Amino acid sequence: MSNAPREPLRTARLVLEPVSHAHDSDLFQASLGSRAELLPWMPWAVDLSMDAQSDYTDRALPEWESGSPAFAITEHGLAIGVIGLMRATDTEYEIHYWLATDRTGRGYVTEAAQALIEWVRDVLGARRIVLHAGMENRRSLAVAERLGFTRDGELEGGMTGGSVAVFPAYSHHLDL
């Protein structure tokens, strides 16, 4: 169980808020507007609906309690993406994220990830963060590089996206 408080994390330009139903409409609109860019990497982008968004949020609370927190990335009160962690062990987590297409290229994911990595190290005692990125997902590969992740190797069929049944990915890790 997680003893992590459900409190926002603040960065220079963003507020990472624990995912709640207050974000559903914004996240649904952001995902709809970004569907073409999300489909190759995010299996959930196939089924975009308010019901699917609400179901995701319904799962977020118990997942937080089990040690896998998810935050809405907000800019000026508007939810523009999600960043979160999946707990693998007491000290190892996998980071995941997506951002609205119209907000990419500004360093927001890197900024949010830096804050989340510091938080998970300090609050949950993480010692290793894993990141999987599709070999053709240039933006995620650049984020991993900027954050100082080390490439472990390749995962054959390691990820499934909406428009590609199975595609290879790079595995990265960051030791804290």
Protein backbone atom coordinates (compact mmCIF):
# COMPACT_ATOMS: atom_id res chain seq x y z
CA MET A 1 0.00 0.00 0.00
CA SER A 2 1.10 3.51 -0.74
CA ASN A 3 1.45 6.10 1.97
CA ALA A 4 1.95 8.82 -0.62
CA PRO A 5 -0.23 11.85 -0.01
CA ARG A 6 -2.60 12.71 -2.89
CA GLU A 7 -1.21 16.22 -3.23
CA PRO A 8 -0.18 18.25 -6.28
CA LEU A 9 3.44 18.57 -7.38
CA ARG A 10 4.47 21.98 -8.69
CA THR A 11 7.11 22.68 -11.30
CA ALA A 12 8.20 25.98 -12.84
CA ARG A 13 5.35 25.95 -15.39
CA LEU A 14 3.05 23.07 -14.47
CA VAL A 15 1.04 21.56 -11.66
CA LEU A 16 0.82 17.77 -11.50
CA GLU A 17 -2.49 16.97 -9.83
CA PRO A 18 -3.52 13.48 -8.70
CA VAL A 19 -5.91 12.26 -11.41
CA SER A 20 -9.55 12.84 -10.48
CA HIS A 21 -12.89 13.11 -12.22
CA ALA A 22 -12.37 16.89 -12.29
CA HIS A 23 -9.87 16.22 -15.10
CA ASP A 24 -12.08 13.91 -17.18
CA SER A 25 -13.40 16.47 -19.66
CA ASP A 26 -10.03 18.14 -20.25
CA LEU A 27 -8.23 14.81 -20.67
CA PHE A 28 -10.91 13.49 -23.01
CA GLN A 29 -10.64 16.61 -25.19
CA ALA A 30 -6.81 16.50 -25.11
CA SER A 31 -6.78 12.82 -26.11
CA LEU A 32 -9.33 13.39 -28.89
CA GLY A 33 -7.23 16.22 -30.32
CA SER A 34 -4.10 14.07 -30.09
CA ARG A 35 -5.54 10.73 -31.23
CA ALA A 36 -3.46 10.45 -34.42
CA GLU A 37 -0.23 10.91 -32.46
CA LEU A 38 -1.31 8.67 -29.57
CA LEU A 39 -2.57 5.70 -31.61
CA PRO A 40 0.83 4.20 -32.51
CA TRP A 41 1.95 4.12 -28.85
CA MET A 42 -1.10 4.04 -26.60
CA PRO A 43 -3.49 1.06 -26.84
CA TRP A 44 -6.23 2.97 -25.03
CA ALA A 45 -6.36 5.61 -27.80
CA VAL A 46 -8.44 3.19 -29.89
CA ASP A 47 -11.45 3.69 -27.60
CA LEU A 48 -11.73 7.39 -26.80
CA SER A 49 -14.96 8.30 -25.03
CA MET A 50 -16.02 10.10 -21.89
CA ASP A 51 -17.01 6.71 -20.46
CA ALA A 52 -13.52 5.31 -21.14
CA GLN A 53 -11.95 8.41 -19.56
CA SER A 54 -14.20 8.09 -16.50
CA ASP A 55 -13.33 4.38 -16.22
CA TYR A 56 -9.62 5.28 -16.28
CA THR A 57 -10.16 7.76 -13.46
CA ASP A 58 -12.16 5.16 -11.50
CA ARG A 59 -9.10 2.87 -11.67
CA ALA A 60 -6.64 5.63 -10.73
CA LEU A 61 -7.58 5.84 -7.02
CA PRO A 62 -7.12 2.16 -6.12
CA GLU A 63 -3.98 2.07 -8.30
CA TRP A 64 -2.61 5.03 -6.31
CA GLU A 65 -3.37 3.19 -3.08
CA SER A 66 -1.50 0.14 -4.37
CA GLY A 67 1.56 2.27 -5.13
CA SER A 68 1.00 3.24 -8.78
CA PRO A 69 0.18 6.98 -8.73
CA ALA A 70 -1.07 8.93 -11.77
CA PHE A 71 -1.07 12.71 -12.13
CA ALA A 72 -2.85 15.00 -14.57
CA ILE A 73 -0.34 17.39 -16.10
CA THR A 74 -2.02 20.79 -15.81
CA GLU A 75 -1.12 24.16 -17.30
CA HIS A 76 -3.03 27.17 -15.97
CA GLY A 77 -5.69 24.84 -14.54
CA LEU A 78 -6.22 22.88 -17.78
CA ALA A 79 -5.35 19.16 -17.82
CA ILE A 80 -3.17 18.58 -20.90
CA GLY A 81 -1.85 15.06 -20.30
CA VAL A 82 -1.04 12.36 -17.77
CA ILE A 83 2.16 11.19 -16.14
CA GLY A 84 2.35 8.31 -13.73
CA LEU A 85 4.21 5.40 -12.28
CA MET A 86 3.51 1.69 -12.20
CA ARG A 87 5.00 -0.01 -9.16
CA ALA A 88 7.05 -3.07 -10.09
CA THR A 89 8.70 -3.66 -6.69
CA ASP A 90 9.13 -1.66 -3.50
CA THR A 91 11.98 0.28 -5.12
CA GLU A 92 11.36 0.00 -8.89
CA TYR A 93 8.74 1.86 -10.90
CA GLU A 94 7.91 2.23 -14.59
CA ILE A 95 7.15 5.77 -15.72
CA HIS A 96 4.51 6.47 -18.37
CA TYR A 97 3.14 9.65 -19.85
CA TRP A 98 1.29 11.32 -22.70
CA LEU A 99 0.78 14.96 -23.57
CA ALA A 100 -1.67 16.82 -25.80
CA THR A 101 -0.15 17.25 -29.24
CA ASP A 102 -0.63 21.01 -29.19
CA ARG A 103 1.55 21.23 -26.05
CA THR A 104 4.47 19.10 -27.26
CA GLY A 105 7.89 20.51 -28.08
CA ARG A 106 7.98 22.78 -25.00
CA GLY A 107 9.81 20.49 -22.58
CA TYR A 108 6.70 19.87 -20.48
CA VAL A 109 7.09 16.09 -20.29
CA THR A 110 10.73 16.41 -19.25
CA GLU A 111 9.80 19.00 -16.61
CA ALA A 112 6.95 16.88 -15.27
CA ALA A 113 9.07 13.71 -15.28
CA GLN A 114 11.90 15.37 -13.37
CA ALA A 115 9.46 16.41 -10.63
CA LEU A 116 7.84 12.98 -10.53
CA ILE A 117 11.19 11.17 -10.37
CA GLU A 118 12.33 13.33 -7.43
CA TRP A 119 8.97 12.76 -5.71
CA VAL A 120 8.97 8.98 -6.12
CA ARG A 121 12.54 8.80 -4.84
CA ASP A 122 11.87 11.02 -1.81
CA VAL A 123 8.31 9.93 -0.93
CA LEU A 124 8.13 6.28 -2.01
CA GLY A 125 11.80 5.33 -1.77
CA ALA A 126 12.28 4.44 -5.43
CA ARG A 127 15.78 3.43 -6.43
CA ARG A 128 15.16 2.60 -10.09
CA ILE A 129 12.85 4.01 -12.75
CA VAL A 130 12.17 2.09 -15.96
CA LEU A 131 10.93 3.70 -19.18
CA HIS A 132 9.87 1.82 -22.31
CA ALA A 133 9.73 3.78 -25.55
CA GLY A 134 8.94 2.59 -29.03
CA MET A 135 12.02 2.53 -31.26
CA GLU A 136 10.31 4.99 -33.61
CA ASN A 137 8.94 7.20 -30.83
CA ARG A 138 11.53 9.95 -31.24
CA ARG A 139 9.94 12.29 -28.69
CA SER A 140 9.93 9.69 -25.89
CA LEU A 141 13.46 8.63 -26.73
CA ALA A 142 14.55 12.28 -26.48
CA VAL A 143 12.83 12.62 -23.09
CA ALA A 144 14.65 9.52 -21.81
CA GLU A 145 17.95 10.98 -22.99
CA ARG A 146 17.32 14.40 -21.41
CA LEU A 147 16.42 12.75 -18.10
CA GLY A 148 19.64 10.72 -18.05
CA PHE A 149 18.14 7.28 -18.57
CA THR A 150 20.47 4.52 -19.74
CA ARG A 151 19.31 2.20 -22.51
CA ASP A 152 19.10 -1.41 -21.30
CA GLY A 153 18.27 -2.98 -24.60
CA GLU A 154 15.43 -3.83 -26.92
CA LEU A 155 12.09 -5.44 -26.20
CA GLU A 156 10.69 -7.46 -29.07
CA GLY A 157 6.98 -6.93 -29.14
CA GLY A 158 7.35 -5.05 -25.90
CA MET A 159 4.53 -2.60 -26.56
CA THR A 160 1.17 -2.61 -28.24
CA GLY A 161 -0.36 0.47 -29.79
CA GLY A 162 -3.69 1.18 -31.39
CA SER A 163 -2.66 1.20 -35.05
CA VAL A 164 0.26 -1.22 -34.77
CA ALA A 165 -0.43 -4.63 -33.29
CA VAL A 166 3.02 -5.14 -31.80
CA PHE A 167 6.18 -3.13 -32.16
CA PRO A 168 9.64 -3.31 -30.64
CA ALA A 169 10.68 -0.89 -27.95
CA TYR A 170 13.79 0.26 -26.17
CA SER A 171 14.01 -0.35 -22.46
CA HIS A 172 15.72 2.32 -20.34
CA HIS A 173 16.49 2.65 -16.65
CA LEU A 174 17.51 5.40 -14.27
CA ASP A 175 19.14 4.46 -10.99
CA LEU A 176 18.46 6.97 -8.24
